């Protein structure tokens, strides 16, 4: 399972999302779009979103820290 999080260091929902994955011991790739303009551009191209967090789980997009949606997607991946 590939999980990517497009985030900024000061975004409270980004921090909550990363804490959620860490608590569940799920590895993820964190892209700091405040510093990495190339990844910020890719995020907008992929999703049309300029706000963070944007979470990609095996290519599916979750906008914001939508915990029920994330848990549903993780559950699908486990089956």
N, C-alpha and C. Protein backbone atom coordinates (compact mmCIF):
# COMPACT_ATOMS: atom_id res chain seq x y z
N UNK A 1 0.85 -1.17 0.00
CA UNK A 1 0.00 0.00 0.00
C UNK A 1 0.89 1.23 0.00
N UNK A 2 0.64 2.14 -0.93
CA UNK A 2 1.42 3.37 -1.00
C UNK A 2 0.57 4.53 -0.51
N UNK A 3 1.08 5.21 0.52
CA UNK A 3 0.38 6.36 1.09
C UNK A 3 1.29 7.57 0.97
N UNK A 4 0.74 8.63 0.37
CA UNK A 4 1.47 9.88 0.23
C UNK A 4 0.63 10.99 0.87
N UNK A 5 1.31 11.85 1.62
CA UNK A 5 0.62 12.98 2.24
C UNK A 5 1.30 14.26 1.77
N UNK A 6 0.52 15.12 1.15
CA UNK A 6 0.99 16.44 0.75
C UNK A 6 0.58 17.38 1.89
N UNK A 7 1.58 17.99 2.53
CA UNK A 7 1.28 18.75 3.75
C UNK A 7 2.19 19.95 3.90
N UNK A 8 1.90 20.73 4.95
CA UNK A 8 2.79 21.81 5.37
C UNK A 8 3.05 21.63 6.87
N UNK A 9 4.17 22.12 7.36
CA UNK A 9 4.51 21.91 8.78
C UNK A 9 3.56 22.61 9.75
N UNK A 10 2.87 23.66 9.32
CA UNK A 10 2.03 24.43 10.23
C UNK A 10 0.55 24.06 10.17
N UNK A 11 0.19 23.14 9.29
CA UNK A 11 -1.22 22.76 9.11
C UNK A 11 -1.64 21.77 10.20
N UNK A 12 -2.61 22.15 11.06
CA UNK A 12 -3.00 21.25 12.15
C UNK A 12 -3.61 19.93 11.66
N UNK A 13 -4.34 19.96 10.54
CA UNK A 13 -4.94 18.73 10.04
C UNK A 13 -3.90 17.83 9.39
N UNK A 14 -2.84 18.42 8.87
CA UNK A 14 -1.72 17.63 8.33
C UNK A 14 -1.05 16.88 9.48
N UNK A 15 -0.83 17.58 10.57
CA UNK A 15 -0.19 16.98 11.75
C UNK A 15 -1.06 15.84 12.27
N UNK A 16 -2.38 16.06 12.37
CA UNK A 16 -3.29 15.01 12.85
C UNK A 16 -3.27 13.80 11.92
N UNK A 17 -3.23 14.04 10.62
CA UNK A 17 -3.20 12.94 9.66
C UNK A 17 -1.93 12.11 9.83
N UNK A 18 -0.80 12.78 9.95
CA UNK A 18 0.47 12.06 10.11
C UNK A 18 0.51 11.30 11.44
N UNK A 19 -0.03 11.90 12.50
CA UNK A 19 -0.09 11.21 13.80
C UNK A 19 -0.97 9.97 13.70
N UNK A 20 -2.08 10.07 12.98
CA UNK A 20 -2.99 8.94 12.78
C UNK A 20 -2.24 7.76 12.15
N UNK A 21 -1.51 8.01 11.07
CA UNK A 21 -0.78 6.94 10.39
C UNK A 21 0.33 6.38 11.27
N UNK A 22 1.03 7.27 12.01
CA UNK A 22 2.10 6.81 12.91
C UNK A 22 1.54 5.92 14.01
N UNK A 23 0.39 6.31 14.60
CA UNK A 23 -0.23 5.51 15.66
C UNK A 23 -0.61 4.12 15.15
N UNK A 24 -1.03 4.04 13.90
CA UNK A 24 -1.42 2.76 13.31
C UNK A 24 -0.22 2.02 12.71
N UNK A 25 0.97 2.62 12.87
CA UNK A 25 2.21 2.04 12.35
C UNK A 25 2.13 1.78 10.84
N UNK A 26 1.56 2.76 10.14
CA UNK A 26 1.43 2.69 8.69
C UNK A 26 2.43 3.68 8.09
N UNK A 27 3.31 3.17 7.24
CA UNK A 27 4.32 4.03 6.63
C UNK A 27 3.68 4.91 5.56
N UNK A 28 4.22 6.12 5.44
CA UNK A 28 3.73 7.06 4.43
C UNK A 28 4.88 7.93 3.97
N UNK A 29 4.71 8.51 2.81
CA UNK A 29 5.67 9.48 2.27
C UNK A 29 5.06 10.86 2.50
N UNK A 30 5.83 11.74 3.11
CA UNK A 30 5.35 13.10 3.41
C UNK A 30 6.03 14.09 2.49
N UNK A 31 5.22 14.82 1.73
CA UNK A 31 5.75 15.87 0.86
C UNK A 31 5.41 17.23 1.48
N UNK A 32 6.42 17.98 1.85
CA UNK A 32 6.23 19.32 2.41
C UNK A 32 6.08 20.30 1.25
N UNK A 33 4.84 20.60 0.91
CA UNK A 33 4.58 21.46 -0.25
C UNK A 33 4.85 22.94 0.02
N UNK A 34 5.13 23.28 1.27
CA UNK A 34 5.53 24.65 1.58
C UNK A 34 6.95 24.90 1.09
N UNK A 35 7.78 23.86 1.12
CA UNK A 35 9.18 23.98 0.71
C UNK A 35 9.43 23.43 -0.69
N UNK A 36 8.69 22.40 -1.08
CA UNK A 36 8.93 21.73 -2.35
C UNK A 36 7.88 22.17 -3.38
N UNK A 37 8.22 23.20 -4.13
CA UNK A 37 7.27 23.77 -5.09
C UNK A 37 6.93 22.78 -6.21
N UNK A 38 7.86 21.91 -6.55
CA UNK A 38 7.59 20.92 -7.59
C UNK A 38 6.50 19.95 -7.13
N UNK A 39 6.56 19.51 -5.87
CA UNK A 39 5.53 18.60 -5.35
C UNK A 39 4.21 19.35 -5.17
N UNK A 40 4.26 20.62 -4.82
CA UNK A 40 3.03 21.42 -4.71
C UNK A 40 2.35 21.48 -6.08
N UNK A 41 3.14 21.68 -7.11
CA UNK A 41 2.60 21.73 -8.47
C UNK A 41 1.98 20.37 -8.85
N UNK A 42 2.68 19.28 -8.51
CA UNK A 42 2.15 17.94 -8.82
C UNK A 42 0.84 17.69 -8.09
N UNK A 43 0.76 18.14 -6.83
CA UNK A 43 -0.46 17.96 -6.04
C UNK A 43 -1.64 18.65 -6.72
N UNK A 44 -1.43 19.88 -7.18
CA UNK A 44 -2.50 20.64 -7.84
C UNK A 44 -2.87 19.97 -9.16
N UNK A 45 -1.86 19.52 -9.91
CA UNK A 45 -2.13 18.85 -11.19
C UNK A 45 -2.92 17.56 -11.00
N UNK A 46 -2.57 16.78 -9.97
CA UNK A 46 -3.23 15.49 -9.71
C UNK A 46 -4.66 15.67 -9.21
N UNK A 47 -4.86 16.68 -8.35
CA UNK A 47 -6.12 16.75 -7.61
C UNK A 47 -6.93 18.03 -7.84
N UNK A 48 -6.31 19.06 -8.36
CA UNK A 48 -6.99 20.34 -8.49
C UNK A 48 -7.08 21.08 -7.16
N UNK A 49 -6.48 20.53 -6.12
CA UNK A 49 -6.55 21.12 -4.78
C UNK A 49 -5.32 21.95 -4.48
N UNK A 50 -5.55 23.08 -3.81
CA UNK A 50 -4.42 23.90 -3.37
C UNK A 50 -4.28 23.83 -1.85
N UNK A 51 -5.31 23.32 -1.17
CA UNK A 51 -5.26 23.20 0.28
C UNK A 51 -4.69 21.86 0.70
N UNK A 52 -4.20 21.81 1.92
CA UNK A 52 -3.63 20.57 2.47
C UNK A 52 -4.38 20.20 3.74
N UNK A 53 -4.31 18.96 4.17
CA UNK A 53 -3.58 17.86 3.55
C UNK A 53 -4.34 17.25 2.37
N UNK A 54 -3.56 16.73 1.45
CA UNK A 54 -4.08 15.87 0.40
C UNK A 54 -3.42 14.53 0.64
N UNK A 55 -4.24 13.50 0.81
CA UNK A 55 -3.73 12.17 1.12
C UNK A 55 -4.07 11.24 -0.05
N UNK A 56 -3.05 10.56 -0.54
CA UNK A 56 -3.23 9.60 -1.63
C UNK A 56 -2.98 8.21 -1.07
N UNK A 57 -3.98 7.34 -1.22
CA UNK A 57 -3.84 5.95 -0.78
C UNK A 57 -3.99 5.08 -2.02
N UNK A 58 -2.87 4.50 -2.43
CA UNK A 58 -2.83 3.70 -3.67
C UNK A 58 -3.50 4.42 -4.83
N UNK A 59 -3.20 5.70 -4.97
CA UNK A 59 -3.70 6.48 -6.10
C UNK A 59 -5.06 7.11 -5.90
N UNK A 60 -5.78 6.73 -4.84
CA UNK A 60 -7.08 7.36 -4.54
C UNK A 60 -6.85 8.56 -3.63
N UNK A 61 -7.60 9.61 -3.86
CA UNK A 61 -7.38 10.88 -3.16
C UNK A 61 -8.38 11.09 -2.03
N UNK A 62 -7.85 11.56 -0.89
CA UNK A 62 -8.68 12.03 0.22
C UNK A 62 -8.26 13.48 0.46
N UNK A 63 -9.23 14.38 0.42
CA UNK A 63 -8.95 15.79 0.66
C UNK A 63 -9.22 16.08 2.13
N UNK A 64 -8.22 16.65 2.79
CA UNK A 64 -8.36 16.93 4.22
C UNK A 64 -8.16 15.67 5.05
N UNK A 65 -8.21 15.84 6.37
CA UNK A 65 -8.08 14.69 7.26
C UNK A 65 -9.48 14.14 7.52
N UNK A 66 -9.97 13.36 6.57
CA UNK A 66 -11.29 12.73 6.64
C UNK A 66 -11.08 11.32 7.20
N UNK A 67 -11.03 11.23 8.53
CA UNK A 67 -10.69 9.98 9.20
C UNK A 67 -11.61 8.81 8.80
N UNK A 68 -12.94 9.00 8.77
CA UNK A 68 -13.80 7.87 8.36
C UNK A 68 -13.49 7.37 6.94
N UNK A 69 -13.24 8.29 6.02
CA UNK A 69 -12.91 7.91 4.64
C UNK A 69 -11.56 7.18 4.59
N UNK A 70 -10.59 7.67 5.34
CA UNK A 70 -9.27 7.04 5.37
C UNK A 70 -9.38 5.63 5.93
N UNK A 71 -10.12 5.48 7.05
CA UNK A 71 -10.28 4.16 7.65
C UNK A 71 -10.99 3.21 6.70
N UNK A 72 -11.99 3.72 5.97
CA UNK A 72 -12.70 2.90 4.99
C UNK A 72 -11.74 2.44 3.89
N UNK A 73 -10.91 3.34 3.39
CA UNK A 73 -9.96 2.98 2.34
C UNK A 73 -8.90 2.01 2.84
N UNK A 74 -8.44 2.21 4.07
CA UNK A 74 -7.46 1.28 4.63
C UNK A 74 -8.08 -0.10 4.84
N UNK A 75 -9.35 -0.13 5.21
CA UNK A 75 -10.06 -1.39 5.39
C UNK A 75 -10.18 -2.16 4.09
N UNK A 76 -10.44 -1.44 3.00
CA UNK A 76 -10.52 -2.07 1.68
C UNK A 76 -9.19 -2.69 1.31
N UNK A 77 -8.10 -1.98 1.63
CA UNK A 77 -6.77 -2.46 1.27
C UNK A 77 -6.40 -3.70 2.06
N UNK A 78 -6.93 -3.83 3.28
CA UNK A 78 -6.59 -4.97 4.14
C UNK A 78 -7.29 -6.25 3.66
N UNK A 79 -8.41 -6.09 2.95
CA UNK A 79 -9.17 -7.26 2.51
C UNK A 79 -8.62 -7.85 1.23
